[in-house]
């Protein structure tokens, strides 16, 4: 089991945002692949939670106030997750940990896709496959357009396919 970083919101900072219930703290659990948002519901019966995989997170913003900070986690296909009640130092620590994990997960995903594309290209270059090099370049262009690979990575893979 992986170690998780745990961050709990401050009641004082949530009170400043209008959250009057002291028994519903926000908890963020961060491991190497996910960030989990937990909050006890208003009925105090259960805990509501949301998991975001770092491959799907597109950005993290920290909006610092006079007291505390608001963290906005942007994700693909969903509305932003807005988290109140953390001190500025905690918010910066959360952001730094998340950026490190986002970078690791994005590089892992890109590397796997590049390896897959290269193996397909090598397999098709000796005439064993039914997909042409032009089709592979179109697939790479699609990955570039979707932001999965960068322009230099696209050019490198295209050179490998053609050469």
Protein backbone atom coordinates (compact mmCIF):
# COMPACT_ATOMS: atom_id res chain seq x y z
CA UNK A 1 0.00 0.00 0.00
CA UNK A 2 1.29 3.45 -0.86
CA UNK A 3 1.75 6.22 1.66
CA UNK A 4 -0.85 8.97 1.51
CA UNK A 5 -0.42 12.62 2.39
CA UNK A 6 -3.38 13.83 4.44
CA UNK A 7 -4.51 17.45 4.72
CA UNK A 8 -7.44 18.61 6.85
CA UNK A 9 -9.11 22.00 6.49
CA UNK A 10 -9.24 24.56 9.28
CA UNK A 11 -12.61 25.27 10.88
CA UNK A 12 -11.64 28.95 11.32
CA UNK A 13 -11.00 29.37 7.59
CA UNK A 14 -14.17 27.49 6.63
CA UNK A 15 -16.09 29.70 9.09
CA UNK A 16 -14.83 32.78 7.23
CA UNK A 17 -16.31 31.28 4.03
CA UNK A 18 -19.72 30.77 5.73
CA UNK A 19 -19.38 27.10 6.65
CA UNK A 20 -20.75 27.07 10.21
CA UNK A 21 -20.69 23.33 10.91
CA UNK A 22 -17.50 22.36 12.82
CA UNK A 23 -18.09 18.63 12.21
CA UNK A 24 -17.74 18.68 8.41
CA UNK A 25 -14.04 19.25 7.69
CA UNK A 26 -12.62 18.86 4.22
CA UNK A 27 -9.92 16.20 3.95
CA UNK A 28 -7.59 15.77 0.98
CA UNK A 29 -5.77 12.44 0.68
CA UNK A 30 -2.99 12.39 -1.90
CA UNK A 31 -1.14 9.29 -3.07
CA UNK A 32 1.04 8.72 -6.13
CA UNK A 33 -1.90 8.25 -8.55
CA UNK A 34 -4.95 10.00 -7.07
CA UNK A 35 -6.19 12.89 -5.04
CA UNK A 36 -9.25 12.12 -2.93
CA UNK A 37 -11.58 14.84 -1.66
CA UNK A 38 -13.61 13.83 1.42
CA UNK A 39 -16.25 15.71 3.34
CA UNK A 40 -18.79 14.57 5.92
CA UNK A 41 -22.27 15.43 4.68
CA UNK A 42 -24.58 17.82 6.56
CA UNK A 43 -26.52 14.97 8.15
CA UNK A 44 -23.28 13.68 9.73
CA UNK A 45 -24.20 10.13 8.68
CA UNK A 46 -21.76 9.44 5.88
CA UNK A 47 -18.76 10.86 4.08
CA UNK A 48 -18.99 12.15 0.51
CA UNK A 49 -15.85 11.65 -1.53
CA UNK A 50 -14.50 12.29 -5.00
CA UNK A 51 -11.39 10.75 -6.55
CA UNK A 52 -9.39 12.39 -9.31
CA UNK A 53 -6.60 10.57 -11.13
CA UNK A 54 -3.55 12.73 -11.79
CA UNK A 55 -3.61 11.85 -15.51
CA UNK A 56 -6.98 13.64 -15.73
CA UNK A 57 -5.99 16.77 -13.80
CA UNK A 58 -5.21 19.67 -16.12
CA UNK A 59 -4.22 22.26 -13.54
CA UNK A 60 -4.19 23.39 -9.94
CA UNK A 61 -4.65 27.01 -8.93
CA UNK A 62 -4.08 28.42 -5.46
CA UNK A 63 -5.91 31.68 -4.76
CA UNK A 64 -4.44 33.23 -1.62
CA UNK A 65 -6.59 35.47 0.57
CA UNK A 66 -5.85 37.59 3.60
CA UNK A 67 -6.58 34.48 5.67
CA UNK A 68 -6.03 31.13 4.00
CA UNK A 69 -6.32 30.04 0.41
CA UNK A 70 -8.75 28.47 -2.05
CA UNK A 71 -7.55 25.55 -4.15
CA UNK A 72 -9.13 24.99 -7.56
CA UNK A 73 -8.40 21.62 -9.18
CA UNK A 74 -9.18 21.55 -12.90
CA UNK A 75 -9.93 18.19 -14.44
CA UNK A 76 -10.83 16.88 -17.88
CA UNK A 77 -14.52 16.25 -18.37
CA UNK A 78 -15.65 17.74 -15.06
CA UNK A 79 -16.21 21.05 -13.39
CA UNK A 80 -13.39 22.36 -11.27
CA UNK A 81 -13.17 21.06 -7.72
CA UNK A 82 -13.03 24.06 -5.38
CA UNK A 83 -11.62 23.49 -1.92
CA UNK A 84 -11.76 26.11 0.86
CA UNK A 85 -10.34 26.11 4.35
CA UNK A 86 -6.61 25.55 3.98
CA UNK A 87 -3.84 27.80 5.16
CA UNK A 88 -1.55 29.30 2.52
CA UNK A 89 1.40 27.09 3.48
CA UNK A 90 -0.79 23.96 3.30
CA UNK A 91 -2.21 25.02 -0.06
CA UNK A 92 1.28 25.51 -1.50
CA UNK A 93 2.36 22.12 -0.16
CA UNK A 94 -0.72 20.47 -1.71
CA UNK A 95 0.00 22.19 -5.03
CA UNK A 96 3.67 21.13 -5.02
CA UNK A 97 2.85 17.50 -4.20
CA UNK A 98 0.14 17.40 -6.88
CA UNK A 99 2.40 18.96 -9.53
CA UNK A 100 5.05 16.32 -8.83
CA UNK A 101 2.51 13.50 -9.16
CA UNK A 102 0.86 15.05 -12.24
CA UNK A 103 4.26 15.26 -13.93
CA UNK A 104 5.09 11.65 -13.09
CA UNK A 105 1.73 10.34 -14.31
CA UNK A 106 1.74 12.43 -17.47
CA UNK A 107 5.27 11.32 -18.37
CA UNK A 108 4.34 7.70 -17.68
CA UNK A 109 1.27 7.95 -19.92
CA UNK A 110 3.12 9.72 -22.71
CA UNK A 111 6.00 7.25 -22.59
CA UNK A 112 3.61 4.31 -22.80
CA UNK A 113 1.80 5.84 -25.78
CA UNK A 114 5.09 6.62 -27.54
CA UNK A 115 6.35 3.07 -26.94
CA UNK A 116 3.08 1.68 -28.30
CA UNK A 117 3.27 3.90 -31.39
CA UNK A 118 6.91 2.97 -31.99
CA UNK A 119 6.26 -0.75 -31.60
CA UNK A 120 3.38 -0.51 -34.06
CA UNK A 121 5.55 1.45 -36.49
CA UNK A 122 8.39 -1.06 -36.28
CA UNK A 123 5.97 -3.93 -36.75
CA UNK A 124 4.40 -2.29 -39.81
CA UNK A 125 7.63 -1.15 -41.42
CA UNK A 126 8.65 -4.71 -42.34
CA UNK A 127 5.36 -5.34 -44.12
CA UNK A 128 3.65 -7.47 -41.47
CA UNK A 129 0.77 -5.11 -40.73
CA UNK A 130 -2.20 -3.85 -42.65
CA UNK A 131 -1.94 -0.23 -41.45
CA UNK A 132 0.17 2.18 -43.49
CA UNK A 133 2.71 4.68 -42.21
CA UNK A 134 0.32 7.46 -43.21
CA UNK A 135 -2.31 6.00 -40.88
CA UNK A 136 0.21 5.90 -38.04
CA UNK A 137 1.16 9.54 -38.68
CA UNK A 138 -2.53 10.47 -38.58
CA UNK A 139 -2.84 8.71 -35.21
CA UNK A 140 0.19 10.62 -33.92
CA UNK A 141 -1.31 13.89 -35.22
CA UNK A 142 -4.49 13.07 -33.29
CA UNK A 143 -2.42 12.55 -30.12
CA UNK A 144 -0.72 15.90 -30.75
CA UNK A 145 -4.05 17.67 -31.26
CA UNK A 146 -5.43 16.18 -28.03
CA UNK A 147 -2.39 17.34 -26.07
CA UNK A 148 -1.17 13.85 -25.23
CA UNK A 149 2.21 14.43 -26.89
CA UNK A 150 4.14 17.62 -27.56
CA UNK A 151 5.22 19.01 -30.93
CA UNK A 152 8.87 17.85 -30.52
CA UNK A 153 7.69 14.36 -29.53
CA UNK A 154 5.41 14.31 -32.59
CA UNK A 155 8.28 15.30 -34.89
CA UNK A 156 10.60 12.66 -33.35
CA UNK A 157 8.01 9.88 -33.74
CA UNK A 158 7.19 10.99 -37.28
CA UNK A 159 10.89 10.82 -38.20
CA UNK A 160 11.08 7.30 -36.78
CA UNK A 161 8.04 6.23 -38.77
CA UNK A 162 9.28 7.66 -42.05
CA UNK A 163 13.00 6.80 -41.62
